[in-house]
Structures are given as structure tokens and as C-alpha cells.
C-alpha atoms as a PDB file:
ATOM      1  CA  TYR A   1      -9.430   8.484  -3.183  1.00  0.00           C
ATOM      2  CA  CYS A   2      -6.091   6.800  -3.824  1.00  0.00           C
ATOM      3  CA  VAL A   3      -2.607   7.346  -2.482  1.00  0.00           C
ATOM      4  CA  GLU A   4       0.630   6.730  -4.343  1.00  0.00           C
ATOM      5  CA  PHE A   5       3.589   5.446  -2.324  1.00  0.00           C
ATOM      6  CA  ARG A   6       7.178   4.541  -3.210  1.00  0.00           C
ATOM      7  CA  THR A   7       8.286   1.310  -1.559  1.00  0.00           C
ATOM      8  CA  GLU A   8      11.428   1.860   0.472  1.00  0.00           C
ATOM      9  CA  SER A   9      11.926  -1.622   1.918  1.00  0.00           C
ATOM     10  CA  LEU A  10      10.226  -5.002   2.109  1.00  0.00           C
ATOM     11  CA  SER A  11      10.891  -8.277   3.861  1.00  0.00           C
ATOM     12  CA  HIS A  12      12.221 -11.300   1.969  1.00  0.00           C
ATOM     13  CA  HIS A  13       9.049 -13.159   3.003  1.00  0.00           C
ATOM     14  CA  CYS A  14       7.141 -11.376   0.223  1.00  0.00           C
ATOM     15  CA  ALA A  15       9.229 -13.036  -2.498  1.00  0.00           C
ATOM     16  CA  LEU A  16       8.714 -16.467  -0.898  1.00  0.00           C
ATOM     17  CA  GLU A  17       4.910 -16.279  -1.018  1.00  0.00           C
ATOM     18  CA  ASN A  18       3.595 -19.054  -3.258  1.00  0.00           C
ATOM     19  CA  ARG A  19      -0.108 -19.441  -2.447  1.00  0.00           C
ATOM     20  CA  PRO A  20      -2.240 -18.765  -5.552  1.00  0.00           C
ATOM     21  CA  TYR A  21      -4.239 -15.880  -4.057  1.00  0.00           C
ATOM     22  CA  ALA A  22      -1.122 -14.224  -2.653  1.00  0.00           C
ATOM     23  CA  ARG A  23       1.404 -14.522  -5.484  1.00  0.00           C
ATOM     24  CA  TRP A  24       1.106 -10.781  -6.103  1.00  0.00           C
ATOM     25  CA  MET A  25       3.479 -10.329  -3.156  1.00  0.00           C
ATOM     26  CA  GLN A  26       6.307 -11.799  -5.253  1.00  0.00           C
ATOM     27  CA  TYR A  27       6.154  -8.763  -7.557  1.00  0.00           C
ATOM     28  CA  LEU A  28       6.724  -6.096  -4.922  1.00  0.00           C
ATOM     29  CA  ARG A  29      10.078  -4.348  -5.327  1.00  0.00           C
ATOM     30  CA  GLU A  30      11.949  -1.608  -3.528  1.00  0.00           C
ATOM     31  CA  GLY A  31      11.708   1.690  -5.370  1.00  0.00           C
ATOM     32  CA  HIS A  32       8.455   0.847  -7.176  1.00  0.00           C
ATOM     33  CA  THR A  33       5.467   3.157  -7.039  1.00  0.00           C
ATOM     34  CA  VAL A  34       2.292   1.518  -5.773  1.00  0.00           C
ATOM     35  CA  CYS A  35      -1.224   2.906  -5.759  1.00  0.00           C
ATOM     36  CA  VAL A  36      -3.561   2.200  -2.841  1.00  0.00           C
ATOM     37  CA  ALA A  37      -7.303   2.908  -2.931  1.00  0.00           C
ATOM     38  CA  CYS A  38      -9.297   3.959   0.122  1.00  0.00           C
ATOM     39  CA  GLN A  39     -12.861   2.677  -0.049  1.00  0.00           C
ATOM     40  CA  PRO A  40     -15.493   1.178   2.282  1.00  0.00           C
ATOM     41  CA  PRO A  41     -15.375  -0.725   4.540  1.00  0.00           C
ATOM     42  CA  ALA A  42     -11.797   0.413   5.309  1.00  0.00           C
ATOM     43  CA  MET A  43     -12.839   4.069   5.139  1.00  0.00           C
ATOM     44  CA  ASN A  44     -13.799   5.613   8.482  1.00  0.00           C
ATOM     45  CA  THR A  45     -17.324   6.980   8.088  1.00  0.00           C
ATOM     46  CA  ASP A  46     -16.623  10.005  10.316  1.00  0.00           C
ATOM     47  CA  THR A  47     -13.301  11.131   8.877  1.00  0.00           C
ATOM     48  CA  GLN A  48     -13.759   9.730   5.337  1.00  0.00           C
ATOM     49  CA  ARG A  49     -10.137   8.518   5.552  1.00  0.00           C
ATOM     50  CA  CYS A  50      -8.374   5.165   5.681  1.00  0.00           C
ATOM     51  CA  SER A  51      -6.026   4.333   8.524  1.00  0.00           C
ATOM     52  CA  GLY A  52      -2.427   4.391   7.334  1.00  0.00           C
ATOM     53  CA  ASP A  53      -2.988   6.653   4.328  1.00  0.00           C
ATOM     54  CA  GLY A  54      -0.256   9.034   5.480  1.00  0.00           C
ATOM     55  CA  HIS A  55      -2.704  11.962   5.537  1.00  0.00           C
ATOM     56  CA  ASN A  56      -0.494  14.210   7.660  1.00  0.00           C
ATOM     57  CA  ALA A  57       2.806  12.767   6.413  1.00  0.00           C
ATOM     58  CA  ASP A  58       5.115  14.702   4.159  1.00  0.00           C
ATOM     59  CA  GLY A  59       7.103  12.957   1.445  1.00  0.00           C
ATOM     60  CA  GLY A  60      10.060  12.350   3.728  1.00  0.00           C
ATOM     61  CA  LYS A  61       8.217  10.382   6.411  1.00  0.00           C
ATOM     62  CA  ILE A  62       8.692   6.617   6.365  1.00  0.00           C
ATOM     63  CA  LEU A  63       5.413   4.751   6.875  1.00  0.00           C
ATOM     64  CA  HIS A  64       4.962   1.047   7.595  1.00  0.00           C
ATOM     65  CA  TRP A  65       2.749  -1.427   5.720  1.00  0.00           C
ATOM     66  CA  GLU A  66       1.843  -5.107   6.101  1.00  0.00           C
ATOM     67  CA  ALA A  67       0.254  -7.416   3.532  1.00  0.00           C
ATOM     68  CA  VAL A  68      -3.090  -8.978   4.409  1.00  0.00           C
ATOM     69  CA  GLY A  69      -2.824 -12.756   4.448  1.00  0.00           C
ATOM     70  CA  ASN A  70       0.907 -12.823   5.224  1.00  0.00           C
ATOM     71  CA  SER A  71       1.950 -10.701   8.193  1.00  0.00           C
ATOM     72  CA  GLN A  72       5.594 -11.566   7.463  1.00  0.00           C
ATOM     73  CA  CYS A  73       5.352  -9.673   4.145  1.00  0.00           C
ATOM     74  CA  GLN A  74       5.821  -6.129   5.348  1.00  0.00           C
ATOM     75  CA  GLY A  75       7.948  -3.088   4.759  1.00  0.00           C
ATOM     76  CA  THR A  76       8.101   0.665   4.532  1.00  0.00           C
ATOM     77  CA  TRP A  77       7.055   3.250   1.992  1.00  0.00           C
ATOM     78  CA  LYS A  78       6.913   7.016   1.525  1.00  0.00           C
ATOM     79  CA  LYS A  79       3.838   8.899   0.404  1.00  0.00           C
ATOM     80  CA  ILE A  80       4.186  10.532  -3.004  1.00  0.00           C
ATOM     81  CA  ARG A  81       0.749  12.088  -3.397  1.00  0.00           C
ATOM     82  CA  GLN A  82      -2.974  11.655  -2.876  1.00  0.00           C
ATOM     83  CA  LEU A  83      -5.255  11.386  -5.893  1.00  0.00           C
ATOM     84  CA  GLU A  84      -8.885  12.429  -5.484  1.00  0.00           C
ATOM     85  CA  GLN A  85      -9.748  10.642  -8.728  1.00  0.00           C
ATOM     86  CA  CYS A  86      -8.275   7.154  -8.649  1.00  0.00           C
ATOM     87  CA  SER A  87      -6.380   6.233 -11.774  1.00  0.00           C
ATOM     88  CA  CYS A  88      -4.406   3.298 -10.430  1.00  0.00           C
ATOM     89  CA  PRO A  89      -2.868   0.996 -13.032  1.00  0.00           C
ATOM     90  CA  LEU A  90      -3.852  -2.677 -12.936  1.00  0.00           C
ATOM     91  CA  VAL A  91      -0.431  -3.715 -11.675  1.00  0.00           C
ATOM     92  CA  HIS A  92       0.857  -2.522  -8.305  1.00  0.00           C
ATOM     93  CA  SER A  93      -2.612  -1.444  -7.212  1.00  0.00           C
ATOM     94  CA  PHE A  94      -3.943  -2.254  -3.752  1.00  0.00           C
ATOM     95  CA  ILE A  95      -6.678  -1.296  -1.300  1.00  0.00           C
ATOM     96  CA  PHE A  96      -6.530  -0.307   2.355  1.00  0.00           C
ATOM     97  CA  THR A  97      -8.068  -2.850   4.734  1.00  0.00           C
END
């Protein structure tokens, strides 16, 4: 499954990221919708959920995220909706880790 979030805030460290494998962080913006897929091995085999997916959060709850590979690139987002069939666009698409 996938979860759509709206980014509420992000640290300035994301825009400063310049390593080739991590340049995607430069394109994160406040107010953008991002799509995050939950798949193995991040998915808990018992619950069939990913940690941090906002399962019990309503749209008003602010949730925290952190980019893998740069712990200084972090921020907050709000859950928009969960999609059972992932249809994430190529840009602004991520996976839970």
C-alpha cells in the first residue's frame, strides 16, 4: 500500500544535499504532496504495516519524517490518505525504511 502526505515543514539541510545519490532531497518543498510506499522489508510481517505510516492519524495530526542517508534532512507532514493500490508518480515518490 502507499500513503500520501503533504509536507508541512523541512529543514534547510535538505536543500544543501549535493551527493549524487541524495540529490532528490533538494526537490522537497513545503506544501507538496509526496507518496510513500510500504513494502518489505520495512513492512512488519505481523501487522502488515510500516512504522510511521500514520495508520491511526487523522488528517490534522502532524507526523515527523527523516531522510535516510542524511539525518539532518527532516521535517513534518500530514497524512492525506492511504492507497491500497499504489499509483505513485515517479517524482516525489518514496518508500518506508
